[in-house]
């Protein structure tokens, strides 16, 4: 992340937690890049008509990820890398998916921004934990849930093969994530089906 977040790398490139999206599915889509598919009750358009082809993501039936606290300027840069269409109109699926989750249409973008609840499995930054959860929640036991930004390609939801240039990037991302506590078994079980070692 530190290679992409150049506006405020001290904040934006520091991982704060490992979390999971329950009942989401991870894949390499037909464009050759990673994508996630929401659970059935949140699917729209092609996700609904083509999503059943994507296998359940591991024994946990979840997608794991590394969370970052993002400076707004770096989030804007990341939007550019992900091909977000900032001119896209407001969401027209508000009866299916709440506007708080999916504020805009994908439009002409490669990915859209969704804001969804994620269950934190491991905090890496205690200060961020207190800021996000509050002192009372930190003291309480049980799962901690926080809202996270997820980039979702709503149009390209069929399984594909990774682009050659993407394989080394994903291998580096997997190595770095596992080194800070990302679940290695899940990476091997789910991601390695699509991302060979290089």
N, C-alpha and C. Protein backbone atom coordinates (compact mmCIF):
# COMPACT_ATOMS: atom_id res chain seq x y z
N UNK A 1 0.82 -1.19 0.00
CA UNK A 1 0.00 0.00 0.00
C UNK A 1 0.87 1.26 0.00
N UNK A 2 2.06 1.14 0.60
CA UNK A 2 2.93 2.31 0.69
C UNK A 2 3.37 2.82 -0.68
N UNK A 3 3.34 1.97 -1.71
CA UNK A 3 3.71 2.41 -3.05
C UNK A 3 2.61 3.24 -3.70
N UNK A 4 1.37 3.05 -3.26
CA UNK A 4 0.24 3.75 -3.84
C UNK A 4 -0.16 5.00 -3.07
N UNK A 5 0.05 5.01 -1.77
CA UNK A 5 -0.44 6.09 -0.92
C UNK A 5 0.68 7.08 -0.65
N UNK A 6 0.81 8.06 -1.53
CA UNK A 6 1.93 8.98 -1.45
C UNK A 6 1.58 10.32 -0.81
N UNK A 7 0.30 10.60 -0.62
CA UNK A 7 -0.10 11.88 -0.02
C UNK A 7 0.20 11.91 1.48
N UNK A 8 -0.17 10.82 2.18
CA UNK A 8 0.10 10.73 3.61
C UNK A 8 0.47 9.28 3.93
N UNK A 9 1.65 8.83 3.49
CA UNK A 9 2.01 7.43 3.66
C UNK A 9 2.13 6.99 5.12
N UNK A 10 2.42 7.92 6.02
CA UNK A 10 2.52 7.56 7.43
C UNK A 10 1.19 7.01 7.94
N UNK A 11 0.08 7.61 7.52
CA UNK A 11 -1.24 7.14 7.92
C UNK A 11 -1.74 6.04 6.99
N UNK A 12 -1.75 6.32 5.69
CA UNK A 12 -2.47 5.47 4.74
C UNK A 12 -1.81 4.14 4.45
N UNK A 13 -0.52 4.00 4.68
CA UNK A 13 0.13 2.73 4.35
C UNK A 13 0.29 1.82 5.56
N UNK A 14 -0.25 2.23 6.70
CA UNK A 14 -0.10 1.44 7.93
C UNK A 14 -1.32 0.54 8.12
N UNK A 15 -1.13 -0.78 8.11
CA UNK A 15 -2.27 -1.68 8.33
C UNK A 15 -2.76 -1.56 9.77
N UNK A 16 -4.09 -1.54 9.94
CA UNK A 16 -4.64 -1.38 11.30
C UNK A 16 -5.36 -2.64 11.80
N UNK A 17 -5.79 -3.52 10.89
CA UNK A 17 -6.51 -4.71 11.34
C UNK A 17 -6.61 -5.74 10.22
N UNK A 18 -6.90 -6.96 10.61
CA UNK A 18 -7.29 -8.03 9.70
C UNK A 18 -8.79 -8.22 9.94
N UNK A 19 -9.57 -8.31 8.88
CA UNK A 19 -11.01 -8.45 9.05
C UNK A 19 -11.58 -9.38 7.99
N UNK A 20 -12.83 -9.76 8.20
CA UNK A 20 -13.48 -10.65 7.23
C UNK A 20 -14.86 -10.12 6.87
N UNK A 21 -15.25 -10.40 5.64
CA UNK A 21 -16.59 -10.12 5.13
C UNK A 21 -17.31 -11.46 5.05
N UNK A 22 -18.23 -11.69 5.96
CA UNK A 22 -18.93 -12.97 6.00
C UNK A 22 -19.84 -13.15 4.79
N UNK A 23 -19.77 -14.34 4.21
CA UNK A 23 -20.60 -14.77 3.08
C UNK A 23 -20.29 -14.02 1.78
N UNK A 24 -19.19 -13.31 1.72
CA UNK A 24 -18.70 -12.74 0.47
C UNK A 24 -17.81 -13.79 -0.19
N UNK A 25 -17.55 -13.60 -1.48
CA UNK A 25 -16.71 -14.55 -2.23
C UNK A 25 -15.60 -13.79 -2.95
N UNK A 26 -14.40 -14.37 -2.90
CA UNK A 26 -13.23 -13.78 -3.55
C UNK A 26 -12.98 -14.52 -4.86
N UNK A 27 -12.52 -13.77 -5.86
CA UNK A 27 -12.22 -14.40 -7.15
C UNK A 27 -11.26 -13.54 -7.95
N UNK A 28 -10.70 -14.16 -8.99
CA UNK A 28 -10.08 -13.43 -10.08
C UNK A 28 -11.15 -13.41 -11.16
N UNK A 29 -11.56 -12.21 -11.55
CA UNK A 29 -12.65 -12.09 -12.53
C UNK A 29 -12.09 -12.13 -13.95
N UNK A 30 -12.98 -12.07 -14.93
CA UNK A 30 -12.58 -12.22 -16.32
C UNK A 30 -11.64 -11.12 -16.80
N UNK A 31 -11.54 -10.01 -16.07
CA UNK A 31 -10.60 -8.95 -16.44
C UNK A 31 -9.17 -9.30 -16.01
N UNK A 32 -9.02 -10.34 -15.17
CA UNK A 32 -7.69 -10.76 -14.73
C UNK A 32 -7.25 -10.18 -13.41
N UNK A 33 -8.17 -9.56 -12.69
CA UNK A 33 -7.86 -8.94 -11.40
C UNK A 33 -8.79 -9.47 -10.31
N UNK A 34 -8.40 -9.25 -9.05
CA UNK A 34 -9.23 -9.69 -7.92
C UNK A 34 -10.53 -8.91 -7.88
N UNK A 35 -11.56 -9.59 -7.45
CA UNK A 35 -12.87 -8.99 -7.25
C UNK A 35 -13.54 -9.74 -6.11
N UNK A 36 -14.56 -9.14 -5.54
CA UNK A 36 -15.35 -9.80 -4.51
C UNK A 36 -16.81 -9.75 -4.90
N UNK A 37 -17.52 -10.77 -4.48
CA UNK A 37 -18.94 -10.90 -4.78
C UNK A 37 -19.70 -10.86 -3.46
N UNK A 38 -20.67 -9.94 -3.34
CA UNK A 38 -21.41 -9.86 -2.08
C UNK A 38 -22.33 -11.06 -1.87
N UNK A 39 -22.83 -11.22 -0.64
CA UNK A 39 -23.79 -12.30 -0.39
C UNK A 39 -25.05 -12.10 -1.24
N UNK A 40 -25.79 -13.19 -1.43
CA UNK A 40 -26.96 -13.17 -2.31
C UNK A 40 -27.91 -12.02 -2.07
N UNK A 41 -28.17 -11.68 -0.82
CA UNK A 41 -29.15 -10.64 -0.53
C UNK A 41 -28.68 -9.24 -0.92
N UNK A 42 -27.40 -9.07 -1.22
CA UNK A 42 -26.87 -7.76 -1.63
C UNK A 42 -26.51 -7.72 -3.12
N UNK A 43 -26.68 -8.80 -3.82
CA UNK A 43 -26.27 -8.83 -5.23
C UNK A 43 -27.23 -8.03 -6.11
N UNK A 44 -26.62 -7.43 -7.14
CA UNK A 44 -27.40 -6.67 -8.11
C UNK A 44 -26.92 -7.04 -9.51
N UNK A 45 -27.76 -6.80 -10.50
CA UNK A 45 -27.38 -6.98 -11.90
C UNK A 45 -26.70 -8.30 -12.19
N UNK A 46 -25.53 -8.22 -12.81
CA UNK A 46 -24.78 -9.43 -13.18
C UNK A 46 -24.33 -10.25 -11.98
N UNK A 47 -24.14 -9.59 -10.86
CA UNK A 47 -23.79 -10.34 -9.64
C UNK A 47 -24.87 -11.37 -9.35
N UNK A 48 -26.10 -10.96 -9.55
CA UNK A 48 -27.24 -11.83 -9.26
C UNK A 48 -27.36 -12.94 -10.31
N UNK A 49 -27.21 -12.58 -11.59
CA UNK A 49 -27.42 -13.56 -12.66
C UNK A 49 -26.21 -14.47 -12.89
N UNK A 50 -24.99 -14.01 -12.58
CA UNK A 50 -23.79 -14.80 -12.87
C UNK A 50 -22.99 -15.20 -11.63
N UNK A 51 -23.37 -14.72 -10.47
CA UNK A 51 -22.58 -14.91 -9.27
C UNK A 51 -22.51 -16.31 -8.71
N UNK A 52 -23.50 -17.14 -9.01
CA UNK A 52 -23.50 -18.49 -8.44
C UNK A 52 -22.36 -19.36 -8.96
N UNK A 53 -21.72 -18.95 -10.04
CA UNK A 53 -20.58 -19.69 -10.59
C UNK A 53 -19.34 -19.55 -9.70
N UNK A 54 -19.30 -18.51 -8.89
CA UNK A 54 -18.14 -18.24 -8.04
C UNK A 54 -18.23 -19.11 -6.79
N UNK A 55 -17.21 -19.94 -6.53
CA UNK A 55 -17.29 -20.84 -5.37
C UNK A 55 -17.23 -20.10 -4.04
N UNK A 56 -17.76 -20.74 -3.01
CA UNK A 56 -17.67 -20.23 -1.65
C UNK A 56 -16.20 -20.07 -1.30
N UNK A 57 -15.86 -19.00 -0.60
CA UNK A 57 -14.46 -18.70 -0.29
C UNK A 57 -14.01 -19.37 1.00
N UNK A 58 -13.61 -20.62 0.88
CA UNK A 58 -13.02 -21.35 1.99
C UNK A 58 -14.01 -21.88 2.99
N UNK A 59 -13.47 -22.61 3.97
CA UNK A 59 -14.29 -23.20 5.02
C UNK A 59 -15.05 -22.15 5.81
N UNK A 60 -14.50 -20.94 5.92
CA UNK A 60 -15.14 -19.88 6.70
C UNK A 60 -16.28 -19.21 5.94
N UNK A 61 -16.40 -19.45 4.62
CA UNK A 61 -17.39 -18.77 3.78
C UNK A 61 -17.29 -17.26 4.01
N UNK A 62 -16.08 -16.74 3.79
CA UNK A 62 -15.82 -15.32 4.03
C UNK A 62 -14.63 -14.88 3.18
N UNK A 63 -14.50 -13.58 3.05
CA UNK A 63 -13.34 -12.98 2.40
C UNK A 63 -12.56 -12.23 3.48
N UNK A 64 -11.27 -12.50 3.58
CA UNK A 64 -10.41 -11.81 4.54
C UNK A 64 -9.65 -10.69 3.84
N UNK A 65 -9.34 -9.65 4.59
CA UNK A 65 -8.58 -8.55 4.05
C UNK A 65 -7.84 -7.79 5.13
N UNK A 66 -6.90 -6.97 4.69
CA UNK A 66 -6.14 -6.09 5.58
C UNK A 66 -6.81 -4.72 5.52
N UNK A 67 -7.09 -4.14 6.69
CA UNK A 67 -7.72 -2.82 6.77
C UNK A 67 -6.66 -1.74 6.97
N UNK A 68 -6.88 -0.61 6.31
CA UNK A 68 -6.02 0.56 6.44
C UNK A 68 -6.88 1.76 6.81
N UNK A 69 -6.34 2.68 7.59
CA UNK A 69 -6.98 3.97 7.82
C UNK A 69 -6.45 4.88 6.72
N UNK A 70 -7.33 5.42 5.89
CA UNK A 70 -6.91 6.09 4.66
C UNK A 70 -7.10 7.60 4.73
N UNK A 71 -6.05 8.34 4.45
CA UNK A 71 -6.14 9.78 4.28
C UNK A 71 -7.05 10.05 3.07
N UNK A 72 -7.95 11.03 3.14
CA UNK A 72 -8.85 11.29 2.01
C UNK A 72 -8.13 11.51 0.67
N UNK A 73 -6.98 12.17 0.70
CA UNK A 73 -6.23 12.40 -0.55
C UNK A 73 -5.70 11.08 -1.11
N UNK A 74 -5.28 10.17 -0.24
CA UNK A 74 -4.81 8.87 -0.70
C UNK A 74 -5.98 8.00 -1.16
N UNK A 75 -7.14 8.14 -0.51
CA UNK A 75 -8.32 7.40 -0.98
C UNK A 75 -8.68 7.84 -2.39
N UNK A 76 -8.57 9.13 -2.67
CA UNK A 76 -8.84 9.64 -4.02
C UNK A 76 -7.85 9.05 -5.02
N UNK A 77 -6.57 8.97 -4.64
CA UNK A 77 -5.58 8.32 -5.50
C UNK A 77 -5.93 6.86 -5.75
N UNK A 78 -6.30 6.17 -4.68
CA UNK A 78 -6.67 4.76 -4.79
C UNK A 78 -7.90 4.59 -5.69
N UNK A 79 -8.86 5.51 -5.58
CA UNK A 79 -10.02 5.48 -6.49
C UNK A 79 -9.56 5.52 -7.94
N UNK A 80 -8.55 6.34 -8.22
CA UNK A 80 -8.03 6.43 -9.58
C UNK A 80 -7.40 5.12 -10.03
N UNK A 81 -6.61 4.49 -9.17
CA UNK A 81 -6.01 3.20 -9.51
C UNK A 81 -7.08 2.15 -9.76
N UNK A 82 -8.17 2.20 -8.99
CA UNK A 82 -9.24 1.21 -9.11
C UNK A 82 -10.24 1.58 -10.21
N UNK A 83 -10.11 2.74 -10.81
CA UNK A 83 -10.99 3.13 -11.90
C UNK A 83 -12.40 3.48 -11.46
N UNK A 84 -12.54 4.18 -10.35
CA UNK A 84 -13.86 4.59 -9.86
C UNK A 84 -14.36 5.78 -10.69
N UNK A 85 -15.61 5.72 -11.13
CA UNK A 85 -16.25 6.79 -11.90
C UNK A 85 -16.92 7.75 -10.92
N UNK A 86 -16.25 8.87 -10.63
CA UNK A 86 -16.81 9.84 -9.69
C UNK A 86 -17.98 10.63 -10.28
N UNK A 87 -18.20 10.51 -11.59
CA UNK A 87 -19.32 11.19 -12.22
C UNK A 87 -20.56 10.30 -12.30
N UNK A 88 -20.45 9.06 -11.84
CA UNK A 88 -21.60 8.14 -11.89
C UNK A 88 -22.74 8.68 -11.04
N UNK A 89 -23.95 8.39 -11.47
CA UNK A 89 -25.14 8.87 -10.76
C UNK A 89 -25.37 8.15 -9.45
N UNK A 90 -26.34 8.65 -8.68
CA UNK A 90 -26.66 8.01 -7.41
C UNK A 90 -27.22 6.60 -7.61
N UNK A 91 -27.10 5.79 -6.59
CA UNK A 91 -27.56 4.40 -6.65
C UNK A 91 -29.04 4.34 -7.01
N UNK A 92 -29.37 3.42 -7.91
CA UNK A 92 -30.77 3.18 -8.27
C UNK A 92 -31.26 1.87 -7.68
N UNK A 93 -30.44 1.24 -6.86
CA UNK A 93 -30.79 -0.06 -6.27
C UNK A 93 -31.11 0.06 -4.79
N UNK A 94 -31.60 1.23 -4.36
CA UNK A 94 -31.75 1.48 -2.93
C UNK A 94 -32.77 0.58 -2.25
N UNK A 95 -33.66 -0.06 -3.02
CA UNK A 95 -34.59 -1.01 -2.40
C UNK A 95 -33.91 -2.36 -2.16
N UNK A 96 -32.89 -2.66 -2.93
CA UNK A 96 -32.14 -3.92 -2.80
C UNK A 96 -30.92 -3.75 -1.89
N UNK A 97 -30.15 -2.70 -2.14
CA UNK A 97 -28.93 -2.42 -1.38
C UNK A 97 -29.02 -0.98 -0.87
N UNK A 98 -28.91 -0.81 0.42
CA UNK A 98 -29.04 0.52 1.03
C UNK A 98 -28.04 1.51 0.44
N UNK A 99 -28.46 2.75 0.31
CA UNK A 99 -27.61 3.81 -0.22
C UNK A 99 -26.37 4.00 0.65
N UNK A 100 -26.48 3.71 1.94
CA UNK A 100 -25.32 3.83 2.82
C UNK A 100 -24.24 2.80 2.45
N UNK A 101 -24.66 1.68 1.88
CA UNK A 101 -23.72 0.64 1.45
C UNK A 101 -23.17 0.95 0.06
N UNK A 102 -24.06 1.33 -0.84
CA UNK A 102 -23.70 1.55 -2.24
C UNK A 102 -24.27 2.90 -2.68
N UNK A 103 -23.56 3.99 -2.40
CA UNK A 103 -24.11 5.32 -2.67
C UNK A 103 -24.29 5.67 -4.14
N UNK A 104 -23.47 5.09 -5.02
CA UNK A 104 -23.49 5.48 -6.43
C UNK A 104 -23.55 4.24 -7.33
N UNK A 105 -23.93 4.47 -8.56
CA UNK A 105 -23.83 3.44 -9.59
C UNK A 105 -22.36 3.26 -9.96
N UNK A 106 -22.02 2.14 -10.57
CA UNK A 106 -20.65 1.94 -11.03
C UNK A 106 -20.36 2.82 -12.23
N UNK A 107 -21.38 3.11 -13.01
CA UNK A 107 -21.20 3.98 -14.18
C UNK A 107 -20.21 3.38 -15.16
N UNK A 108 -19.27 4.20 -15.60
CA UNK A 108 -18.24 3.74 -16.55
C UNK A 108 -16.98 3.27 -15.85
N UNK A 109 -17.05 3.16 -14.55
CA UNK A 109 -15.87 2.77 -13.78
C UNK A 109 -15.57 1.29 -13.85
N UNK A 110 -14.34 0.97 -13.46
CA UNK A 110 -13.91 -0.43 -13.37
C UNK A 110 -14.42 -1.07 -12.08
N UNK A 111 -14.47 -0.27 -11.02
CA UNK A 111 -14.94 -0.72 -9.71
C UNK A 111 -15.85 0.34 -9.12
N UNK A 112 -16.68 -0.09 -8.15
CA UNK A 112 -17.54 0.82 -7.41
C UNK A 112 -17.16 0.74 -5.93
N UNK A 113 -17.52 1.77 -5.18
CA UNK A 113 -17.20 1.82 -3.75
C UNK A 113 -18.42 1.38 -2.94
N UNK A 114 -18.22 0.35 -2.13
CA UNK A 114 -19.23 -0.13 -1.20
C UNK A 114 -18.71 0.07 0.21
N UNK A 115 -19.63 0.35 1.14
CA UNK A 115 -19.28 0.54 2.55
C UNK A 115 -20.06 -0.50 3.35
N UNK A 116 -19.35 -1.51 3.82
CA UNK A 116 -20.02 -2.68 4.41
C UNK A 116 -19.44 -3.02 5.78
N UNK A 117 -20.22 -3.72 6.61
CA UNK A 117 -19.70 -4.15 7.90
C UNK A 117 -18.72 -5.31 7.74
N UNK A 118 -17.62 -5.22 8.47
CA UNK A 118 -16.62 -6.30 8.48
C UNK A 118 -16.31 -6.65 9.92
N UNK A 119 -16.11 -7.93 10.17
CA UNK A 119 -15.76 -8.41 11.50
C UNK A 119 -14.25 -8.43 11.65
N UNK A 120 -13.74 -7.69 12.61
CA UNK A 120 -12.30 -7.64 12.84
C UNK A 120 -11.88 -8.93 13.53
N UNK A 121 -10.89 -9.60 12.95
CA UNK A 121 -10.37 -10.84 13.54
C UNK A 121 -9.09 -10.59 14.32
N UNK A 122 -8.41 -9.48 14.00
CA UNK A 122 -7.17 -9.15 14.72
C UNK A 122 -6.86 -7.67 14.52
N UNK A 123 -6.72 -6.96 15.61
CA UNK A 123 -6.29 -5.56 15.55
C UNK A 123 -4.77 -5.52 15.50
N UNK A 124 -4.23 -4.65 14.65
CA UNK A 124 -2.79 -4.45 14.53
C UNK A 124 -2.36 -3.10 15.11
N UNK A 125 -3.34 -2.23 15.35
CA UNK A 125 -3.08 -0.88 15.83
C UNK A 125 -4.08 -0.56 16.93
N UNK A 126 -3.62 -0.54 18.17
CA UNK A 126 -4.51 -0.34 19.32
C UNK A 126 -5.16 1.04 19.30
N UNK A 127 -4.43 2.04 18.86
CA UNK A 127 -4.99 3.40 18.79
C UNK A 127 -6.18 3.44 17.83
N UNK A 128 -6.04 2.81 16.67
CA UNK A 128 -7.15 2.77 15.71
C UNK A 128 -8.33 1.96 16.27
N UNK A 129 -8.01 0.93 17.00
CA UNK A 129 -9.07 0.11 17.62
C UNK A 129 -9.94 0.97 18.53
N UNK A 130 -9.30 1.75 19.39
CA UNK A 130 -10.04 2.61 20.31
C UNK A 130 -10.79 3.70 19.55
N UNK A 131 -10.16 4.30 18.54
CA UNK A 131 -10.83 5.34 17.74
C UNK A 131 -12.08 4.80 17.05
N UNK A 132 -11.98 3.62 16.46
CA UNK A 132 -13.09 3.05 15.71
C UNK A 132 -14.17 2.45 16.59
N UNK A 133 -13.77 1.78 17.66
CA UNK A 133 -14.72 1.01 18.45
C UNK A 133 -15.18 1.72 19.72
N UNK A 134 -14.39 2.65 20.22
CA UNK A 134 -14.71 3.30 21.49
C UNK A 134 -14.18 2.47 22.65
N UNK A 135 -13.87 3.12 23.74
CA UNK A 135 -13.25 2.44 24.89
C UNK A 135 -14.14 1.35 25.46
N UNK A 136 -15.45 1.59 25.52
CA UNK A 136 -16.37 0.58 26.08
C UNK A 136 -16.39 -0.68 25.24
N UNK A 137 -16.43 -0.52 23.92
CA UNK A 137 -16.45 -1.68 23.03
C UNK A 137 -15.14 -2.45 23.09
N UNK A 138 -14.04 -1.73 23.24
CA UNK A 138 -12.73 -2.38 23.34
C UNK A 138 -12.68 -3.26 24.58
N UNK A 139 -13.26 -2.78 25.67
CA UNK A 139 -13.25 -3.54 26.93
C UNK A 139 -14.19 -4.74 26.88
N UNK A 140 -15.23 -4.67 26.05
CA UNK A 140 -16.20 -5.76 25.96
C UNK A 140 -15.62 -6.94 25.19
N UNK A 141 -16.16 -8.13 25.46
CA UNK A 141 -15.73 -9.30 24.70
C UNK A 141 -16.67 -9.50 23.52
N UNK A 142 -16.31 -10.38 22.64
CA UNK A 142 -17.13 -10.67 21.47
C UNK A 142 -16.59 -10.01 20.22
N UNK A 143 -17.18 -10.34 19.09
CA UNK A 143 -16.69 -9.83 17.82
C UNK A 143 -16.87 -8.31 17.71
N UNK A 144 -15.92 -7.68 17.06
CA UNK A 144 -15.99 -6.24 16.82
C UNK A 144 -16.18 -6.01 15.33
N UNK A 145 -17.20 -5.22 15.01
CA UNK A 145 -17.57 -4.97 13.62
C UNK A 145 -17.35 -3.49 13.32
N UNK A 146 -16.77 -3.23 12.17
CA UNK A 146 -16.54 -1.85 11.73
C UNK A 146 -16.92 -1.74 10.26
N UNK A 147 -17.28 -0.54 9.84
CA UNK A 147 -17.62 -0.31 8.44
C UNK A 147 -16.34 -0.09 7.65
N UNK A 148 -16.24 -0.77 6.51
CA UNK A 148 -15.04 -0.68 5.68
C UNK A 148 -15.42 -0.35 4.24
N UNK A 149 -14.50 0.27 3.54
CA UNK A 149 -14.64 0.53 2.11
C UNK A 149 -14.13 -0.68 1.35
N UNK A 150 -14.95 -1.18 0.42
CA UNK A 150 -14.56 -2.30 -0.43
C UNK A 150 -14.79 -1.88 -1.88
N UNK A 151 -13.79 -2.09 -2.74
CA UNK A 151 -13.95 -1.83 -4.16
C UNK A 151 -14.53 -3.08 -4.81
N UNK A 152 -15.68 -2.92 -5.47
CA UNK A 152 -16.42 -4.04 -6.05
C UNK A 152 -16.65 -3.77 -7.53
N UNK A 153 -16.25 -4.70 -8.39
CA UNK A 153 -16.60 -4.62 -9.80
C UNK A 153 -17.94 -5.34 -9.96
N UNK A 154 -18.98 -4.57 -10.19
CA UNK A 154 -20.33 -5.13 -10.28
C UNK A 154 -20.62 -5.77 -11.64
N UNK A 155 -19.79 -5.48 -12.63
CA UNK A 155 -20.04 -5.94 -13.99
C UNK A 155 -19.28 -7.21 -14.35
N UNK A 156 -18.04 -7.33 -13.90
CA UNK A 156 -17.20 -8.48 -14.27
C UNK A 156 -17.17 -9.45 -13.10
N UNK A 157 -18.10 -10.39 -13.14
CA UNK A 157 -18.29 -11.31 -12.00
C UNK A 157 -18.15 -12.77 -12.40
N UNK A 158 -17.59 -13.01 -13.59
CA UNK A 158 -17.31 -14.40 -13.98
C UNK A 158 -15.85 -14.71 -13.67
N UNK A 159 -15.58 -15.97 -13.37
CA UNK A 159 -14.21 -16.40 -13.06
C UNK A 159 -13.31 -16.22 -14.27
N UNK A 160 -12.08 -15.82 -14.01
CA UNK A 160 -11.11 -15.66 -15.07
C UNK A 160 -9.73 -16.08 -14.59
N UNK A 161 -8.72 -15.73 -15.36
CA UNK A 161 -7.34 -16.06 -15.04
C UNK A 161 -6.58 -14.77 -14.76
N UNK A 162 -5.63 -14.80 -13.83
CA UNK A 162 -4.90 -13.57 -13.51
C UNK A 162 -4.00 -13.15 -14.67
N UNK A 163 -3.89 -11.86 -14.87
CA UNK A 163 -2.94 -11.33 -15.85
C UNK A 163 -1.53 -11.65 -15.38
N UNK A 164 -0.64 -11.86 -16.32
CA UNK A 164 0.74 -12.21 -15.97
C UNK A 164 1.38 -11.19 -15.04
N UNK A 165 1.18 -9.90 -15.30
CA UNK A 165 1.78 -8.86 -14.47
C UNK A 165 1.17 -8.80 -13.08
N UNK A 166 -0.02 -9.38 -12.91
CA UNK A 166 -0.73 -9.32 -11.63
C UNK A 166 -0.24 -10.39 -10.65
N UNK A 167 0.28 -11.49 -11.17
CA UNK A 167 0.68 -12.62 -10.32
C UNK A 167 1.79 -12.22 -9.34
N UNK A 168 2.89 -11.58 -9.77
CA UNK A 168 3.91 -11.19 -8.79
C UNK A 168 3.39 -10.17 -7.77
N UNK A 169 2.52 -9.26 -8.20
CA UNK A 169 1.96 -8.27 -7.27
C UNK A 169 1.12 -8.96 -6.20
N UNK A 170 0.32 -9.93 -6.61
CA UNK A 170 -0.52 -10.65 -5.65
C UNK A 170 0.33 -11.52 -4.73
N UNK A 171 1.37 -12.13 -5.26
CA UNK A 171 2.26 -12.93 -4.41
C UNK A 171 2.93 -12.06 -3.34
N UNK A 172 3.37 -10.87 -3.73
CA UNK A 172 3.96 -9.95 -2.75
C UNK A 172 2.91 -9.55 -1.71
N UNK A 173 1.69 -9.25 -2.16
CA UNK A 173 0.61 -8.86 -1.24
C UNK A 173 0.29 -9.98 -0.26
N UNK A 174 0.24 -11.21 -0.75
CA UNK A 174 -0.05 -12.36 0.12
C UNK A 174 1.07 -12.53 1.15
N UNK A 175 2.33 -12.48 0.70
CA UNK A 175 3.46 -12.61 1.64
C UNK A 175 3.42 -11.53 2.72
N UNK A 176 3.23 -10.29 2.29
CA UNK A 176 3.20 -9.18 3.25
C UNK A 176 2.03 -9.32 4.22
N UNK A 177 0.86 -9.71 3.72
CA UNK A 177 -0.32 -9.85 4.57
C UNK A 177 -0.12 -10.97 5.59
N UNK A 178 0.38 -12.11 5.14
CA UNK A 178 0.60 -13.25 6.05
C UNK A 178 1.61 -12.87 7.13
N UNK A 179 2.60 -12.07 6.77
CA UNK A 179 3.63 -11.68 7.75
C UNK A 179 3.08 -10.83 8.89
N UNK A 180 1.91 -10.20 8.69
CA UNK A 180 1.31 -9.38 9.76
C UNK A 180 0.08 -10.04 10.38
N UNK A 181 -0.18 -11.31 10.03
CA UNK A 181 -1.27 -12.02 10.70
C UNK A 181 -2.45 -12.40 9.84
N UNK A 182 -2.40 -12.12 8.55
CA UNK A 182 -3.46 -12.55 7.63
C UNK A 182 -3.52 -14.08 7.65
N UNK A 183 -4.72 -14.69 7.61
CA UNK A 183 -4.81 -16.15 7.72
C UNK A 183 -4.19 -16.88 6.52
N UNK A 184 -3.05 -17.50 6.75
CA UNK A 184 -2.32 -18.20 5.69
C UNK A 184 -3.15 -19.34 5.11
N UNK A 185 -3.86 -20.07 5.96
CA UNK A 185 -4.65 -21.20 5.47
C UNK A 185 -5.71 -20.72 4.48
N UNK A 186 -6.36 -19.60 4.78
CA UNK A 186 -7.37 -19.06 3.86
C UNK A 186 -6.72 -18.64 2.55
N UNK A 187 -5.57 -17.98 2.62
CA UNK A 187 -4.86 -17.57 1.40
C UNK A 187 -4.52 -18.79 0.55
N UNK A 188 -4.05 -19.86 1.19
CA UNK A 188 -3.71 -21.08 0.45
C UNK A 188 -4.95 -21.74 -0.13
N UNK A 189 -6.01 -21.80 0.65
CA UNK A 189 -7.23 -22.49 0.25
C UNK A 189 -8.00 -21.73 -0.83
N UNK A 190 -8.01 -20.40 -0.76
CA UNK A 190 -8.85 -19.61 -1.66
C UNK A 190 -8.03 -18.92 -2.75
N UNK A 191 -7.03 -18.16 -2.36
CA UNK A 191 -6.29 -17.35 -3.33
C UNK A 191 -5.37 -18.17 -4.21
N UNK A 192 -4.75 -19.20 -3.64
CA UNK A 192 -3.79 -20.00 -4.41
C UNK A 192 -4.44 -20.78 -5.54
N UNK A 193 -5.75 -20.95 -5.51
CA UNK A 193 -6.43 -21.59 -6.64
C UNK A 193 -6.28 -20.76 -7.91
N UNK A 194 -6.13 -19.44 -7.73
CA UNK A 194 -6.04 -18.54 -8.87
C UNK A 194 -4.67 -17.89 -9.02
N UNK A 195 -3.92 -17.79 -7.94
CA UNK A 195 -2.63 -17.09 -7.96
C UNK A 195 -1.51 -18.09 -7.69
N UNK A 196 -0.81 -18.55 -8.75
CA UNK A 196 0.28 -19.51 -8.53
C UNK A 196 1.50 -18.80 -7.93
N UNK A 197 2.31 -19.56 -7.21
CA UNK A 197 3.58 -19.03 -6.72
C UNK A 197 4.46 -18.68 -7.90
N UNK A 198 5.25 -17.62 -7.77
CA UNK A 198 6.18 -17.27 -8.87
C UNK A 198 7.58 -17.13 -8.33
